[in-house]
N, C-alpha and C. Protein backbone atom coordinates (compact mmCIF):
# COMPACT_ATOMS: atom_id res chain seq x y z
N UNK A 1 -29.05 90.52 -29.81
CA UNK A 1 -27.94 90.04 -30.60
C UNK A 1 -27.09 91.21 -31.06
N UNK A 2 -25.80 90.99 -31.08
CA UNK A 2 -24.87 92.01 -31.56
C UNK A 2 -24.61 91.82 -33.04
N UNK A 3 -24.30 92.90 -33.70
CA UNK A 3 -23.95 92.84 -35.12
C UNK A 3 -22.46 93.09 -35.25
N UNK A 4 -21.82 92.31 -36.10
CA UNK A 4 -20.40 92.51 -36.40
C UNK A 4 -20.26 92.74 -37.89
N UNK A 5 -19.40 93.63 -38.24
CA UNK A 5 -19.09 93.87 -39.64
C UNK A 5 -17.77 93.15 -39.92
N UNK A 6 -17.82 92.07 -40.70
CA UNK A 6 -16.61 91.29 -40.97
C UNK A 6 -16.28 91.33 -42.45
N UNK A 7 -15.04 91.05 -42.75
CA UNK A 7 -14.58 90.99 -44.13
C UNK A 7 -14.13 89.57 -44.42
N UNK A 8 -14.62 89.02 -45.52
CA UNK A 8 -14.26 87.67 -45.95
C UNK A 8 -13.61 87.75 -47.33
N UNK A 9 -12.75 86.81 -47.64
CA UNK A 9 -12.24 86.74 -49.02
C UNK A 9 -13.42 86.58 -50.00
N UNK A 10 -13.31 87.19 -51.16
CA UNK A 10 -14.40 87.18 -52.14
C UNK A 10 -14.89 85.77 -52.44
N UNK A 11 -13.96 84.85 -52.65
CA UNK A 11 -14.35 83.48 -53.01
C UNK A 11 -15.15 82.82 -51.89
N UNK A 12 -14.72 83.01 -50.66
CA UNK A 12 -15.44 82.43 -49.52
C UNK A 12 -16.83 83.04 -49.39
N UNK A 13 -16.92 84.35 -49.50
CA UNK A 13 -18.21 85.03 -49.40
C UNK A 13 -19.16 84.53 -50.49
N UNK A 14 -18.67 84.41 -51.71
CA UNK A 14 -19.50 83.94 -52.82
C UNK A 14 -19.96 82.50 -52.59
N UNK A 15 -19.07 81.67 -52.10
CA UNK A 15 -19.43 80.27 -51.82
C UNK A 15 -20.52 80.20 -50.77
N UNK A 16 -20.35 80.95 -49.68
CA UNK A 16 -21.35 80.93 -48.61
C UNK A 16 -22.69 81.48 -49.10
N UNK A 17 -22.67 82.56 -49.86
CA UNK A 17 -23.91 83.11 -50.39
C UNK A 17 -24.59 82.13 -51.33
N UNK A 18 -23.81 81.43 -52.14
CA UNK A 18 -24.37 80.42 -53.03
C UNK A 18 -25.01 79.27 -52.26
N UNK A 19 -24.37 78.83 -51.19
CA UNK A 19 -24.94 77.76 -50.37
C UNK A 19 -26.25 78.20 -49.73
N UNK A 20 -26.32 79.45 -49.30
CA UNK A 20 -27.55 79.96 -48.70
C UNK A 20 -28.65 80.06 -49.76
N UNK A 21 -28.31 80.52 -50.95
CA UNK A 21 -29.29 80.63 -52.02
C UNK A 21 -29.81 79.26 -52.44
N UNK A 22 -28.93 78.26 -52.43
CA UNK A 22 -29.32 76.90 -52.79
C UNK A 22 -29.99 76.16 -51.63
N UNK A 23 -30.15 76.86 -50.51
CA UNK A 23 -30.79 76.31 -49.30
C UNK A 23 -30.01 75.15 -48.69
N UNK A 24 -28.70 75.11 -48.94
CA UNK A 24 -27.86 74.08 -48.33
C UNK A 24 -27.44 74.49 -46.92
N UNK A 25 -27.49 75.78 -46.64
CA UNK A 25 -27.32 76.30 -45.28
C UNK A 25 -28.46 77.29 -45.06
N UNK A 26 -28.89 77.41 -43.80
CA UNK A 26 -30.03 78.30 -43.51
C UNK A 26 -29.69 79.76 -43.80
N UNK A 27 -28.51 80.18 -43.38
CA UNK A 27 -28.08 81.56 -43.61
C UNK A 27 -26.57 81.64 -43.44
N UNK A 28 -25.99 82.63 -44.07
CA UNK A 28 -24.55 82.84 -43.93
C UNK A 28 -24.22 83.19 -42.48
N UNK A 29 -24.99 84.09 -41.89
CA UNK A 29 -24.70 84.50 -40.51
C UNK A 29 -24.86 83.33 -39.55
N UNK A 30 -25.88 82.50 -39.74
CA UNK A 30 -26.05 81.33 -38.88
C UNK A 30 -24.92 80.34 -39.04
N UNK A 31 -24.49 80.15 -40.27
CA UNK A 31 -23.38 79.24 -40.54
C UNK A 31 -22.10 79.73 -39.87
N UNK A 32 -21.82 81.02 -39.99
CA UNK A 32 -20.63 81.59 -39.36
C UNK A 32 -20.73 81.55 -37.84
N UNK A 33 -21.92 81.79 -37.30
CA UNK A 33 -22.11 81.72 -35.85
C UNK A 33 -21.86 80.30 -35.34
N UNK A 34 -22.37 79.30 -36.06
CA UNK A 34 -22.14 77.90 -35.67
C UNK A 34 -20.65 77.58 -35.69
N UNK A 35 -19.96 78.03 -36.73
CA UNK A 35 -18.52 77.80 -36.83
C UNK A 35 -17.76 78.47 -35.69
N UNK A 36 -18.17 79.67 -35.34
CA UNK A 36 -17.52 80.39 -34.24
C UNK A 36 -17.75 79.67 -32.91
N UNK A 37 -18.98 79.17 -32.70
CA UNK A 37 -19.26 78.42 -31.46
C UNK A 37 -18.39 77.17 -31.37
N UNK A 38 -18.25 76.47 -32.47
CA UNK A 38 -17.44 75.25 -32.49
C UNK A 38 -15.98 75.58 -32.18
N UNK A 39 -15.45 76.60 -32.83
CA UNK A 39 -14.05 77.00 -32.61
C UNK A 39 -13.84 77.43 -31.16
N UNK A 40 -14.80 78.17 -30.59
CA UNK A 40 -14.69 78.59 -29.19
C UNK A 40 -14.70 77.40 -28.25
N UNK A 41 -15.50 76.38 -28.57
CA UNK A 41 -15.51 75.19 -27.70
C UNK A 41 -14.16 74.50 -27.74
N UNK A 42 -13.51 74.46 -28.90
CA UNK A 42 -12.16 73.88 -28.99
C UNK A 42 -11.17 74.68 -28.13
N UNK A 43 -11.28 76.01 -28.20
CA UNK A 43 -10.39 76.85 -27.40
C UNK A 43 -10.61 76.64 -25.91
N UNK A 44 -11.87 76.52 -25.50
CA UNK A 44 -12.16 76.28 -24.09
C UNK A 44 -11.63 74.92 -23.66
N UNK A 45 -11.81 73.91 -24.50
CA UNK A 45 -11.29 72.58 -24.18
C UNK A 45 -9.77 72.61 -24.04
N UNK A 46 -9.10 73.33 -24.92
CA UNK A 46 -7.64 73.43 -24.86
C UNK A 46 -7.21 74.12 -23.57
N UNK A 47 -7.94 75.16 -23.17
CA UNK A 47 -7.61 75.86 -21.93
C UNK A 47 -7.81 74.94 -20.73
N UNK A 48 -8.86 74.12 -20.76
CA UNK A 48 -9.11 73.17 -19.67
C UNK A 48 -8.00 72.14 -19.59
N UNK A 49 -7.56 71.63 -20.72
CA UNK A 49 -6.46 70.66 -20.73
C UNK A 49 -5.20 71.29 -20.14
N UNK A 50 -4.92 72.54 -20.52
CA UNK A 50 -3.76 73.24 -19.95
C UNK A 50 -3.89 73.41 -18.44
N UNK A 51 -5.10 73.69 -17.96
CA UNK A 51 -5.32 73.84 -16.52
C UNK A 51 -5.08 72.53 -15.79
N UNK A 52 -5.51 71.43 -16.41
CA UNK A 52 -5.37 70.12 -15.76
C UNK A 52 -3.94 69.59 -15.82
N UNK A 53 -3.30 69.73 -16.97
CA UNK A 53 -2.00 69.08 -17.19
C UNK A 53 -0.84 70.05 -17.36
N UNK A 54 -1.12 71.34 -17.35
CA UNK A 54 -0.07 72.31 -17.60
C UNK A 54 0.10 72.54 -19.09
N UNK A 55 0.82 73.58 -19.45
CA UNK A 55 1.01 73.87 -20.87
C UNK A 55 1.85 72.78 -21.53
N UNK A 56 1.76 72.67 -22.85
CA UNK A 56 2.53 71.64 -23.54
C UNK A 56 4.04 71.90 -23.43
N UNK A 57 4.79 70.81 -23.43
CA UNK A 57 6.24 70.92 -23.46
C UNK A 57 6.65 71.42 -24.85
N UNK A 58 7.87 71.87 -25.04
CA UNK A 58 8.29 72.30 -26.38
C UNK A 58 8.11 71.21 -27.44
N UNK A 59 8.38 69.94 -27.08
CA UNK A 59 8.19 68.85 -28.05
C UNK A 59 6.72 68.66 -28.38
N UNK A 60 5.86 68.73 -27.35
CA UNK A 60 4.42 68.59 -27.59
C UNK A 60 3.91 69.75 -28.44
N UNK A 61 4.38 70.96 -28.17
CA UNK A 61 3.95 72.12 -28.94
C UNK A 61 4.40 72.01 -30.39
N UNK A 62 5.60 71.51 -30.61
CA UNK A 62 6.10 71.32 -31.98
C UNK A 62 5.22 70.32 -32.73
N UNK A 63 4.82 69.25 -32.04
CA UNK A 63 3.94 68.26 -32.67
C UNK A 63 2.59 68.88 -32.99
N UNK A 64 2.04 69.66 -32.08
CA UNK A 64 0.75 70.33 -32.30
C UNK A 64 0.86 71.27 -33.50
N UNK A 65 1.91 72.08 -33.52
CA UNK A 65 2.11 73.02 -34.62
C UNK A 65 2.20 72.29 -35.96
N UNK A 66 2.91 71.17 -35.97
CA UNK A 66 3.05 70.37 -37.19
C UNK A 66 1.69 69.85 -37.65
N UNK A 67 0.90 69.32 -36.72
CA UNK A 67 -0.42 68.79 -37.07
C UNK A 67 -1.35 69.89 -37.58
N UNK A 68 -1.30 71.05 -36.94
CA UNK A 68 -2.14 72.17 -37.38
C UNK A 68 -1.72 72.63 -38.77
N UNK A 69 -0.42 72.74 -39.01
CA UNK A 69 0.07 73.15 -40.33
C UNK A 69 -0.34 72.16 -41.41
N UNK A 70 -0.22 70.87 -41.12
CA UNK A 70 -0.62 69.85 -42.10
C UNK A 70 -2.11 69.92 -42.37
N UNK A 71 -2.90 70.13 -41.32
CA UNK A 71 -4.35 70.24 -41.48
C UNK A 71 -4.72 71.44 -42.33
N UNK A 72 -4.03 72.56 -42.12
CA UNK A 72 -4.30 73.76 -42.91
C UNK A 72 -3.95 73.53 -44.37
N UNK A 73 -2.84 72.86 -44.63
CA UNK A 73 -2.45 72.57 -46.01
C UNK A 73 -3.45 71.62 -46.65
N UNK A 74 -3.92 70.64 -45.90
CA UNK A 74 -4.90 69.67 -46.41
C UNK A 74 -6.18 70.39 -46.83
N UNK A 75 -6.68 71.29 -45.98
CA UNK A 75 -7.91 72.01 -46.28
C UNK A 75 -7.71 73.04 -47.38
N UNK A 76 -6.54 73.64 -47.44
CA UNK A 76 -6.25 74.66 -48.45
C UNK A 76 -6.25 74.04 -49.85
N UNK A 77 -5.84 72.78 -49.95
CA UNK A 77 -5.78 72.12 -51.25
C UNK A 77 -7.06 71.36 -51.57
N UNK A 78 -8.08 71.48 -50.70
CA UNK A 78 -9.39 70.90 -50.97
C UNK A 78 -9.43 69.39 -51.00
N UNK A 79 -8.62 68.76 -50.18
CA UNK A 79 -8.62 67.29 -50.19
C UNK A 79 -9.41 66.73 -49.06
């Protein structure tokens, strides 16, 4: 296994450490590894869709960008 030295915002690091201490997650590194695997699978799926159907049109890309921005705002406000 490789080791990476990463920097997280203080609040996120504290939250993850608290979850590990409370045994709600097995470990911070395992939790981050699972999240990275999930995100990579999304990226691979997106690349496969592009290979099958071509890249998104400008209208499709605008819709995707809008949905991603709304999702980020939704998660940022904790809803």
